[in-house]
Amino acid sequence: MRSAAAYVNNRVYDVLACAVPLICDPVEGLPDGFDEFIYICDGPEALADCVAQALAEDEAMRTRRREFAQHVREAHSFDARAREIVEKVRGLGQAG
């Protein structure tokens, strides 16, 4: 997942599509706007802080998160992600 291709695990999309906070390690290649809805935990020491931030989200953030989840479900569905992965793989085959 952390290769030069910057493939983002489908679970990131699944969690964001559910409108819940996501805590994960640093991820390269996120689509624009995703980073606002992900708490990046770059080590064990940061985990408690990320959890506290997620639990402290206010109603405005929860509303924005629900709106973003709708966008993720529409623009980043499983079918859309599968098409993107196939395109990247085809591109790799043509590069060699």
C-alpha atoms as a PDB file:
ATOM      1  CA  MET A   1       0.000   0.000   0.000  1.00  0.00           C
ATOM      2  CA  ARG A   2       2.904   2.336   0.630  1.00  0.00           C
ATOM      3  CA  SER A   3       4.593   1.754  -2.700  1.00  0.00           C
ATOM      4  CA  ALA A   4       5.309   4.317  -5.378  1.00  0.00           C
ATOM      5  CA  ALA A   5       1.867   3.571  -6.831  1.00  0.00           C
ATOM      6  CA  ALA A   6       0.332   5.063  -3.642  1.00  0.00           C
ATOM      7  CA  TYR A   7      -2.557   2.623  -3.581  1.00  0.00           C
ATOM      8  CA  VAL A   8      -5.041   3.554  -0.865  1.00  0.00           C
ATOM      9  CA  ASN A   9      -6.607   0.555   0.879  1.00  0.00           C
ATOM     10  CA  ASN A  10     -10.317   0.156   0.151  1.00  0.00           C
ATOM     11  CA  ARG A  11     -11.022   0.053   3.895  1.00  0.00           C
ATOM     12  CA  VAL A  12     -10.232   3.776   4.060  1.00  0.00           C
ATOM     13  CA  TYR A  13     -13.095   4.394   1.634  1.00  0.00           C
ATOM     14  CA  ASP A  14     -15.376   1.965   3.479  1.00  0.00           C
ATOM     15  CA  VAL A  15     -14.897   3.721   6.810  1.00  0.00           C
ATOM     16  CA  LEU A  16     -15.288   7.214   5.384  1.00  0.00           C
ATOM     17  CA  ALA A  17     -18.440   6.141   3.519  1.00  0.00           C
ATOM     18  CA  CYS A  18     -19.930   5.198   6.912  1.00  0.00           C
ATOM     19  CA  ALA A  19     -19.467   8.758   8.228  1.00  0.00           C
ATOM     20  CA  VAL A  20     -17.350   7.705  11.198  1.00  0.00           C
ATOM     21  CA  PRO A  21     -13.941   9.045  12.211  1.00  0.00           C
ATOM     22  CA  LEU A  22     -10.980   7.145  10.824  1.00  0.00           C
ATOM     23  CA  ILE A  23      -7.699   6.852  12.688  1.00  0.00           C
ATOM     24  CA  CYS A  24      -4.856   5.435  10.628  1.00  0.00           C
ATOM     25  CA  ASP A  25      -1.176   5.636   9.912  1.00  0.00           C
ATOM     26  CA  PRO A  26       0.095   8.161   7.333  1.00  0.00           C
ATOM     27  CA  VAL A  27      -1.282   7.410   3.861  1.00  0.00           C
ATOM     28  CA  GLU A  28       0.086   8.733   0.589  1.00  0.00           C
ATOM     29  CA  GLY A  29      -2.126   9.202  -2.422  1.00  0.00           C
ATOM     30  CA  LEU A  30      -5.342  10.211  -0.697  1.00  0.00           C
ATOM     31  CA  PRO A  31      -7.815  11.976  -2.983  1.00  0.00           C
ATOM     32  CA  ASP A  32      -8.275  15.696  -2.373  1.00  0.00           C
ATOM     33  CA  GLY A  33     -10.328  16.519   0.691  1.00  0.00           C
ATOM     34  CA  PHE A  34      -9.930  13.161   2.422  1.00  0.00           C
ATOM     35  CA  ASP A  35      -7.266  14.277   4.896  1.00  0.00           C
ATOM     36  CA  GLU A  36      -9.726  16.544   6.706  1.00  0.00           C
ATOM     37  CA  PHE A  37     -11.730  13.488   7.766  1.00  0.00           C
ATOM     38  CA  ILE A  38      -8.843  11.244   8.833  1.00  0.00           C
ATOM     39  CA  TYR A  39      -6.882  11.411  12.071  1.00  0.00           C
ATOM     40  CA  ILE A  40      -3.303  10.510  11.217  1.00  0.00           C
ATOM     41  CA  CYS A  41      -1.591   8.546  13.951  1.00  0.00           C
ATOM     42  CA  ASP A  42       2.126   8.400  13.270  1.00  0.00           C
ATOM     43  CA  GLY A  43       3.053   6.296  16.283  1.00  0.00           C
ATOM     44  CA  PRO A  44       1.780   4.699  19.487  1.00  0.00           C
ATOM     45  CA  GLU A  45       2.191   7.946  21.420  1.00  0.00           C
ATOM     46  CA  ALA A  46      -0.220   9.744  19.080  1.00  0.00           C
ATOM     47  CA  LEU A  47      -3.033   7.213  19.349  1.00  0.00           C
ATOM     48  CA  ALA A  48      -4.595   8.578  22.554  1.00  0.00           C
ATOM     49  CA  ASP A  49      -4.591  12.098  21.090  1.00  0.00           C
ATOM     50  CA  CYS A  50      -6.247  10.921  17.858  1.00  0.00           C
ATOM     51  CA  VAL A  51      -8.931   9.045  19.789  1.00  0.00           C
ATOM     52  CA  ALA A  52      -9.595  12.104  21.980  1.00  0.00           C
ATOM     53  CA  GLN A  53      -9.931  14.339  18.904  1.00  0.00           C
ATOM     54  CA  ALA A  54     -12.318  11.907  17.225  1.00  0.00           C
ATOM     55  CA  LEU A  55     -14.480  11.645  20.336  1.00  0.00           C
ATOM     56  CA  ALA A  56     -14.569  15.435  20.712  1.00  0.00           C
ATOM     57  CA  GLU A  57     -15.957  16.183  17.254  1.00  0.00           C
ATOM     58  CA  ASP A  58     -18.730  18.738  17.398  1.00  0.00           C
ATOM     59  CA  GLU A  59     -22.057  18.589  15.574  1.00  0.00           C
ATOM     60  CA  ALA A  60     -20.786  20.783  12.732  1.00  0.00           C
ATOM     61  CA  MET A  61     -17.967  18.329  12.037  1.00  0.00           C
ATOM     62  CA  ARG A  62     -20.340  15.351  12.255  1.00  0.00           C
ATOM     63  CA  THR A  63     -22.616  17.065   9.717  1.00  0.00           C
ATOM     64  CA  ARG A  64     -19.693  17.719   7.356  1.00  0.00           C
ATOM     65  CA  ARG A  65     -18.572  14.111   7.850  1.00  0.00           C
ATOM     66  CA  ARG A  66     -22.041  12.817   6.865  1.00  0.00           C
ATOM     67  CA  GLU A  67     -22.042  15.025   3.760  1.00  0.00           C
ATOM     68  CA  PHE A  68     -18.562  13.819   2.855  1.00  0.00           C
ATOM     69  CA  ALA A  69     -19.666  10.216   3.378  1.00  0.00           C
ATOM     70  CA  GLN A  70     -22.363  10.721   0.763  1.00  0.00           C
ATOM     71  CA  HIS A  71     -19.712  12.025  -1.641  1.00  0.00           C
ATOM     72  CA  VAL A  72     -17.510   8.989  -0.934  1.00  0.00           C
ATOM     73  CA  ARG A  73     -20.411   6.606  -1.575  1.00  0.00           C
ATOM     74  CA  GLU A  74     -21.183   8.309  -4.883  1.00  0.00           C
ATOM     75  CA  ALA A  75     -17.700   9.031  -6.253  1.00  0.00           C
ATOM     76  CA  HIS A  76     -15.649   6.248  -4.672  1.00  0.00           C
ATOM     77  CA  SER A  77     -17.923   3.221  -4.731  1.00  0.00           C
ATOM     78  CA  PHE A  78     -16.473  -0.262  -4.984  1.00  0.00           C
ATOM     79  CA  ASP A  79     -17.112  -0.229  -8.743  1.00  0.00           C
ATOM     80  CA  ALA A  80     -15.420   3.154  -9.160  1.00  0.00           C
ATOM     81  CA  ARG A  81     -12.412   2.002  -7.083  1.00  0.00           C
ATOM     82  CA  ALA A  82     -12.164  -1.263  -9.038  1.00  0.00           C
ATOM     83  CA  ARG A  83     -12.127   0.668 -12.331  1.00  0.00           C
ATOM     84  CA  GLU A  84      -9.338   2.896 -10.978  1.00  0.00           C
ATOM     85  CA  ILE A  85      -7.279  -0.094  -9.861  1.00  0.00           C
ATOM     86  CA  VAL A  86      -7.702  -1.801 -13.253  1.00  0.00           C
ATOM     87  CA  GLU A  87      -6.607   1.398 -15.012  1.00  0.00           C
ATOM     88  CA  LYS A  88      -3.491   1.648 -12.829  1.00  0.00           C
ATOM     89  CA  VAL A  89      -2.593  -1.988 -13.445  1.00  0.00           C
ATOM     90  CA  ARG A  90      -3.034  -1.549 -17.210  1.00  0.00           C
ATOM     91  CA  GLY A  91      -0.817   1.529 -17.027  1.00  0.00           C
ATOM     92  CA  LEU A  92       1.876  -0.476 -15.269  1.00  0.00           C
ATOM     93  CA  GLY A  93       1.722  -3.102 -18.015  1.00  0.00           C
ATOM     94  CA  GLN A  94       2.170  -0.449 -20.699  1.00  0.00           C
ATOM     95  CA  ALA A  95       5.077   1.203 -18.875  1.00  0.00           C
ATOM     96  CA  GLY A  96       7.221  -1.935 -19.111  1.00  0.00           C
END
